[in-house]
């Protein structure tokens, strides 16, 4: 008798109660931004992401200000106010569906659920990075966001050789845009061409974090995340410098996070994965001003295009307490002798 071949179908191997937390955990493990500490998951943001509503309000106390006063038995102390501010994050609701053709190789392995989970988690890690970069485009898109204090742009400063080029010297200037909070900055996000330039200058140090793990680049003692999604325009590269927890991450619960379906007519199995989450730059409030979908309608929650719109952002922390600096530079100087100065 001919051997019977049993076809593995998605519904047989995906257990949503196990699959969902596995994907969330693996997303964190696979995200260089998370592993570097730039993105920090927060239990309070988890709670807020699950609390309902499309905007999350996060009140905070402003720093106390004003001079102290000399105590006197004749004059009462002046009573100052304790001021409150409010950060606002947007709930992001995203999803993706895949057919069995997309996942066929994973289904054939010894542990198909883990294999598919790894594929899905790697997908979400890439999407988180795209969301983060879109958000950075938005918050630094215009001075209206009041983030210009956290910008260091040397791309047009070719008054002397290499004035407009990233180096240890110019990067230190960028770091100190945060003044006495400069020590709170712990990592860089750079285009691969920027990392290559610094490596050629012998300024990149590679450190192996553990046995079997890939080497991690460091610049000026700070971890480097390499992402070619970072902006490049006419030879001007954008690098970001971050502090730990610059972006807060909270994972909510989509009503049906994972489900499987089968198209009886085509014979295709389908896996659907949905996520509700917060990925928010601490201290820059979402304004909910532009949720246009590009077709005359309105998105229920922000798209990446909406996140990249500067009208949607407003700084609410003191500038040096927002642990993000934008650094625009070149890799090759535009200076020529006799043209500068």
Protein backbone atom coordinates (compact mmCIF):
# COMPACT_ATOMS: atom_id res chain seq x y z
CA UNK A 1 0.00 0.00 0.00
CA UNK A 2 1.29 3.52 -0.70
CA UNK A 3 2.44 5.46 2.34
CA UNK A 4 -0.09 7.97 3.60
CA UNK A 5 1.30 11.50 3.91
CA UNK A 6 -0.28 13.52 6.71
CA UNK A 7 -0.38 17.26 6.04
CA UNK A 8 0.22 19.50 9.03
CA UNK A 9 -2.26 22.34 9.17
CA UNK A 10 -1.97 25.54 11.19
CA UNK A 11 -5.01 24.81 13.31
CA UNK A 12 -3.32 21.63 14.57
CA UNK A 13 -0.19 23.35 15.85
CA UNK A 14 -1.19 26.86 17.01
CA UNK A 15 -2.43 27.07 20.59
CA UNK A 16 -3.30 30.79 21.05
CA UNK A 17 -2.90 30.74 24.85
CA UNK A 18 0.72 29.61 24.37
CA UNK A 19 1.45 31.27 21.04
CA UNK A 20 0.55 34.85 22.02
CA UNK A 21 2.91 35.24 25.03
CA UNK A 22 5.63 33.39 23.12
CA UNK A 23 5.44 35.89 20.24
CA UNK A 24 5.50 38.87 22.63
CA UNK A 25 8.52 37.51 24.50
CA UNK A 26 10.39 36.61 21.32
CA UNK A 27 9.67 40.05 19.83
CA UNK A 28 11.56 41.54 22.76
CA UNK A 29 14.41 39.06 22.41
CA UNK A 30 14.77 39.78 18.69
CA UNK A 31 14.51 43.58 18.92
CA UNK A 32 17.89 45.29 19.06
CA UNK A 33 16.18 48.44 20.35
CA UNK A 34 14.70 46.46 23.25
CA UNK A 35 17.90 44.57 24.00
CA UNK A 36 19.85 47.84 24.04
CA UNK A 37 17.46 49.30 26.62
CA UNK A 38 16.17 52.06 24.31
CA UNK A 39 12.72 50.43 24.46
CA UNK A 40 11.70 49.43 27.98
CA UNK A 41 8.60 47.41 28.74
CA UNK A 42 6.63 48.82 31.65
CA UNK A 43 3.91 47.00 33.68
CA UNK A 44 1.99 50.27 34.11
CA UNK A 45 1.97 50.75 30.33
CA UNK A 46 0.78 47.13 29.98
CA UNK A 47 -2.13 48.02 32.24
CA UNK A 48 -2.88 51.25 30.40
CA UNK A 49 -2.74 49.52 27.01
CA UNK A 50 -5.43 47.14 28.24
CA UNK A 51 -7.63 49.74 29.95
CA UNK A 52 -9.69 50.78 26.94
CA UNK A 53 -9.64 54.03 24.99
CA UNK A 54 -7.39 55.13 22.15
CA UNK A 55 -5.39 57.70 24.12
CA UNK A 56 -3.56 57.05 27.37
CA UNK A 57 -3.09 59.97 29.78
CA UNK A 58 -0.04 59.86 32.05
CA UNK A 59 0.06 62.78 34.52
CA UNK A 60 3.36 63.72 36.14
CA UNK A 61 4.66 66.30 38.62
CA UNK A 62 6.88 69.08 37.35
CA UNK A 63 10.20 69.66 39.13
CA UNK A 64 9.99 72.07 42.06
CA UNK A 65 11.46 75.49 41.28
CA UNK A 66 12.27 78.81 42.97
CA UNK A 67 14.95 79.84 45.48
CA UNK A 68 14.95 78.72 49.08
CA UNK A 69 14.29 81.39 51.74
CA UNK A 70 15.95 82.35 54.98
CA UNK A 71 13.80 81.37 57.94
CA UNK A 72 12.55 84.29 60.02
CA UNK A 73 10.20 84.77 62.96
CA UNK A 74 8.92 87.93 61.30
CA UNK A 75 8.26 86.84 57.71
CA UNK A 76 6.30 83.81 56.55
CA UNK A 77 7.64 81.57 53.82
CA UNK A 78 6.30 82.19 50.33
CA UNK A 79 4.07 79.35 49.24
CA UNK A 80 4.96 78.02 45.80
CA UNK A 81 2.83 75.82 43.58
CA UNK A 82 3.42 72.19 42.75
CA UNK A 83 2.67 72.07 39.02
CA UNK A 84 1.42 68.98 37.18
CA UNK A 85 1.90 68.06 33.52
CA UNK A 86 0.50 65.32 31.35
CA UNK A 87 2.11 63.00 28.85
CA UNK A 88 -0.21 61.32 26.34
CA UNK A 89 0.41 58.09 24.45
CA UNK A 90 -1.57 56.63 21.56
CA UNK A 91 -2.78 53.05 21.56
CA UNK A 92 -1.53 51.32 18.41
CA UNK A 93 -3.66 48.52 16.96
CA UNK A 94 -1.96 46.45 14.28
CA UNK A 95 -2.45 43.08 12.65
CA UNK A 96 -1.23 40.80 9.86
CA UNK A 97 -2.46 37.64 8.18
CA UNK A 98 -0.36 34.95 6.48
CA UNK A 99 -1.34 32.01 4.30
CA UNK A 100 0.10 28.51 4.61
CA UNK A 101 2.31 29.21 1.60
CA UNK A 102 4.11 31.86 3.65
CA UNK A 103 4.65 29.43 6.52
CA UNK A 104 5.06 26.09 4.73
CA UNK A 105 8.71 25.57 5.67
CA UNK A 106 8.05 26.24 9.36
CA UNK A 107 5.16 23.78 9.38
CA UNK A 108 7.45 20.98 8.27
CA UNK A 109 9.80 21.20 11.27
CA UNK A 110 9.92 19.33 14.56
CA UNK A 111 8.34 22.20 16.54
CA UNK A 112 6.14 24.03 14.05
CA UNK A 113 4.48 26.34 16.60
CA UNK A 114 7.83 27.65 17.85
CA UNK A 115 9.10 27.97 14.29
CA UNK A 116 6.06 29.97 13.22
CA UNK A 117 6.25 31.98 16.46
CA UNK A 118 9.83 32.92 15.63
CA UNK A 119 8.81 34.09 12.15
CA UNK A 120 5.95 36.17 13.52
CA UNK A 121 8.07 37.64 16.33
CA UNK A 122 10.85 38.59 13.89
CA UNK A 123 8.21 40.29 11.75
CA UNK A 124 6.92 42.31 14.71
CA UNK A 125 10.46 43.23 15.82
CA UNK A 126 11.02 44.77 12.37
CA UNK A 127 7.66 46.54 12.50
CA UNK A 128 8.42 47.95 15.99
CA UNK A 129 11.61 49.45 14.56
CA UNK A 130 9.64 50.99 11.68
CA UNK A 131 7.12 52.43 14.17
CA UNK A 132 9.92 53.86 16.31
CA UNK A 133 11.59 55.51 13.30
CA UNK A 134 8.27 56.96 12.09
CA UNK A 135 7.72 58.40 15.57
CA UNK A 136 11.18 59.97 15.54
CA UNK A 137 10.43 61.51 12.14
CA UNK A 138 7.32 63.06 13.69
CA UNK A 139 8.75 64.41 16.92
CA UNK A 140 11.73 65.98 15.14
CA UNK A 141 9.76 67.01 12.05
CA UNK A 142 9.28 70.67 12.91
CA UNK A 143 10.17 73.15 15.63
CA UNK A 144 6.49 73.20 16.58
CA UNK A 145 7.16 70.02 18.55
CA UNK A 146 9.69 72.01 20.66
CA UNK A 147 12.33 69.32 20.17
CA UNK A 148 14.83 71.64 18.45
CA UNK A 149 16.83 71.84 21.71
CA UNK A 150 17.52 68.12 21.30
CA UNK A 151 18.81 68.47 17.74
CA UNK A 152 22.43 68.73 16.62
CA UNK A 153 22.76 69.37 12.89
CA UNK A 154 26.28 69.81 11.52
CA UNK A 155 25.45 68.79 7.96
CA UNK A 156 25.86 72.35 6.69
CA UNK A 157 28.77 73.37 8.92
CA UNK A 158 31.67 72.86 6.50
CA UNK A 159 33.69 75.91 7.60
CA UNK A 160 36.67 73.65 8.32
CA UNK A 161 37.59 70.15 7.21
CA UNK A 162 35.35 67.47 8.78
CA UNK A 163 33.22 70.00 10.70
CA UNK A 164 30.21 68.39 9.01
CA UNK A 165 31.27 64.75 9.50
CA UNK A 166 30.46 62.36 12.33
CA UNK A 167 33.47 61.71 14.56
CA UNK A 168 34.17 61.23 18.25
CA UNK A 169 34.46 65.01 18.60
CA UNK A 170 31.20 65.92 16.84
CA UNK A 171 29.31 63.06 18.52
CA UNK A 172 30.34 64.33 21.95
CA UNK A 173 28.90 67.72 21.01
CA UNK A 174 25.63 65.97 20.12
CA UNK A 175 25.56 64.04 23.39
CA UNK A 176 25.96 67.24 25.39
CA UNK A 177 22.82 68.75 23.87
CA UNK A 178 21.28 67.33 27.06
CA UNK A 179 23.66 69.34 29.24
CA UNK A 180 24.13 67.83 32.69
CA UNK A 181 21.80 64.98 31.70
CA UNK A 182 24.22 63.83 28.99
CA UNK A 183 25.22 60.84 31.13
CA UNK A 184 21.65 59.53 30.77
CA UNK A 185 22.32 58.76 27.09
CA UNK A 186 23.36 55.14 26.68
CA UNK A 187 23.01 54.13 23.03
CA UNK A 188 23.13 55.13 19.37
CA UNK A 189 20.94 54.15 16.43
CA UNK A 190 22.87 54.47 13.16
CA UNK A 191 22.64 53.63 9.49
CA UNK A 192 25.05 50.83 8.51
CA UNK A 193 27.03 53.25 6.34
CA UNK A 194 27.64 55.43 9.41
CA UNK A 195 28.84 52.42 11.40
CA UNK A 196 31.11 51.40 8.52
CA UNK A 197 32.64 54.88 8.41
CA UNK A 198 33.32 54.87 12.16
CA UNK A 199 34.72 51.33 11.97
CA UNK A 200 37.18 52.46 9.27
CA UNK A 201 38.20 55.26 11.62
CA UNK A 202 38.81 52.60 14.30
CA UNK A 203 36.13 54.13 16.54
CA UNK A 204 33.82 51.10 16.78
CA UNK A 205 34.49 48.53 19.47
CA UNK A 206 32.88 45.09 19.13
CA UNK A 207 31.96 43.30 22.34
CA UNK A 208 30.68 39.74 22.62
CA UNK A 209 27.94 39.82 25.29
CA UNK A 210 27.80 36.06 25.94
CA UNK A 211 28.93 32.70 24.62
CA UNK A 212 27.50 32.09 21.18
CA UNK A 213 25.97 35.55 20.83
CA UNK A 214 26.88 37.89 18.00
CA UNK A 215 29.30 40.73 18.67
CA UNK A 216 27.66 44.06 19.46
CA UNK A 217 29.12 47.37 18.21
CA UNK A 218 29.85 50.19 20.67
CA UNK A 219 30.79 53.81 19.98
CA UNK A 220 32.09 56.10 22.73
CA UNK A 221 31.21 53.34 25.22
CA UNK A 222 27.55 53.27 24.12
CA UNK A 223 25.79 50.42 22.35
CA UNK A 224 25.01 50.91 18.66
CA UNK A 225 21.81 49.67 17.00
CA UNK A 226 22.21 49.41 13.22
CA UNK A 227 19.12 50.17 11.15
CA UNK A 228 19.09 51.11 7.48
CA UNK A 229 15.59 52.53 7.89
CA UNK A 230 17.13 55.66 9.41
CA UNK A 231 16.87 58.72 7.15
CA UNK A 232 19.47 59.50 4.49
CA UNK A 233 19.04 62.46 2.16
CA UNK A 234 21.62 63.86 -0.27
CA UNK A 235 24.54 62.63 1.78
CA UNK A 236 23.09 63.73 5.12
CA UNK A 237 22.65 60.88 7.62
CA UNK A 238 20.47 60.98 10.70
CA UNK A 239 21.77 59.26 13.83
CA UNK A 240 19.85 59.13 17.11
CA UNK A 241 21.27 59.00 20.61
CA UNK A 242 19.05 57.53 23.30
CA UNK A 243 18.84 57.04 27.02
CA UNK A 244 17.57 53.87 28.65
CA UNK A 245 13.80 53.69 28.48
CA UNK A 246 13.51 56.56 26.01
CA UNK A 247 10.58 54.67 24.54
CA UNK A 248 8.07 52.99 26.82
CA UNK A 249 6.40 49.79 25.64
CA UNK A 250 3.13 48.42 26.95
CA UNK A 251 1.42 45.34 25.57
CA UNK A 252 -2.36 45.30 25.70
CA UNK A 253 -4.72 42.56 24.62
CA UNK A 254 -6.46 42.50 21.27
CA UNK A 255 -9.92 40.89 21.63
CA UNK A 256 -8.76 37.97 19.45
CA UNK A 257 -4.95 38.17 19.27
CA UNK A 258 -4.44 34.97 17.28
CA UNK A 259 -6.77 32.90 15.22
CA UNK A 260 -6.55 30.39 12.41
CA UNK A 261 -8.87 29.85 9.51
CA UNK A 262 -9.14 27.60 6.49
CA UNK A 263 -10.30 28.58 3.02
CA UNK A 264 -12.07 25.41 1.92
CA UNK A 265 -12.16 26.45 -1.74
CA UNK A 266 -8.45 27.21 -2.09
CA UNK A 267 -7.29 24.74 0.54
CA UNK A 268 -5.16 27.45 2.21
CA UNK A 269 -4.70 27.70 5.96
CA UNK A 270 -4.50 31.25 7.33
CA UNK A 271 -2.87 32.57 10.50
CA UNK A 272 -4.01 35.97 11.79
CA UNK A 273 -2.06 37.83 14.48
CA UNK A 274 -3.28 41.08 16.06
CA UNK A 275 -1.64 43.30 18.65
CA UNK A 276 -2.74 46.28 20.76
CA UNK A 277 0.24 48.08 22.27
CA UNK A 278 1.85 51.35 23.27
CA UNK A 279 5.27 52.37 21.94
CA UNK A 280 5.75 55.90 23.19
CA UNK A 281 8.60 58.46 23.37
CA UNK A 282 8.68 59.48 27.02
CA UNK A 283 7.98 63.17 27.48
CA UNK A 284 6.57 63.95 24.01
CA UNK A 285 2.77 63.87 24.09
CA UNK A 286 0.67 62.57 21.21
CA UNK A 287 -1.73 65.31 20.07
CA UNK A 288 -4.17 63.22 18.01
CA UNK A 289 -4.30 66.07 15.47
CA UNK A 290 -3.96 64.10 12.23
CA UNK A 291 -5.26 60.55 11.78
CA UNK A 292 -6.00 60.83 8.05
CA UNK A 293 -5.79 57.55 6.14
CA UNK A 294 -4.70 59.12 2.84
CA UNK A 295 -8.01 58.32 1.15
CA UNK A 296 -10.23 60.98 2.65
CA UNK A 297 -11.05 58.94 5.75
CA UNK A 298 -9.72 58.70 9.28
CA UNK A 299 -7.77 55.90 10.92
CA UNK A 300 -9.20 54.51 14.16
CA UNK A 301 -5.68 54.54 15.65
CA UNK A 302 -2.45 56.04 14.27
CA UNK A 303 -0.69 54.59 11.24
CA UNK A 304 3.05 55.00 10.74
CA UNK A 305 2.27 57.95 8.46
CA UNK A 306 0.27 59.56 11.27
CA UNK A 307 3.12 58.96 13.72
CA UNK A 308 5.51 60.69 11.30
CA UNK A 309 3.33 63.84 11.23
CA UNK A 310 4.86 66.54 13.44
CA UNK A 311 1.40 68.03 14.10
CA UNK A 312 0.74 64.99 16.26
CA UNK A 313 3.51 65.67 18.79
CA UNK A 314 4.31 68.19 21.53
CA UNK A 315 7.12 68.06 24.07
CA UNK A 316 5.82 68.12 27.66
CA UNK A 317 8.97 67.23 29.64
CA UNK A 318 11.82 69.67 30.09
CA UNK A 319 13.99 69.23 26.99
CA UNK A 320 16.97 67.66 28.75
CA UNK A 321 14.68 65.10 30.40
CA UNK A 322 13.61 63.75 27.01
CA UNK A 323 16.30 61.13 26.51
CA UNK A 324 16.59 61.45 22.73
CA UNK A 325 18.97 63.52 20.60
CA UNK A 326 18.82 63.78 16.82
CA UNK A 327 22.24 64.11 15.17
CA UNK A 328 22.44 65.02 11.46
CA UNK A 329 25.83 64.70 9.81
CA UNK A 330 27.73 63.65 6.72
CA UNK A 331 30.21 60.83 6.18
CA UNK A 332 32.40 62.80 3.78
CA UNK A 333 33.14 66.48 4.31
CA UNK A 334 31.84 69.05 1.86
CA UNK A 335 34.63 71.44 2.88
CA UNK A 336 37.23 72.44 0.36
CA UNK A 337 40.20 74.71 1.03
CA UNK A 338 39.37 78.29 0.19
CA UNK A 339 35.63 77.67 0.23
CA UNK A 340 35.13 77.78 3.99
CA UNK A 341 35.87 80.45 6.56
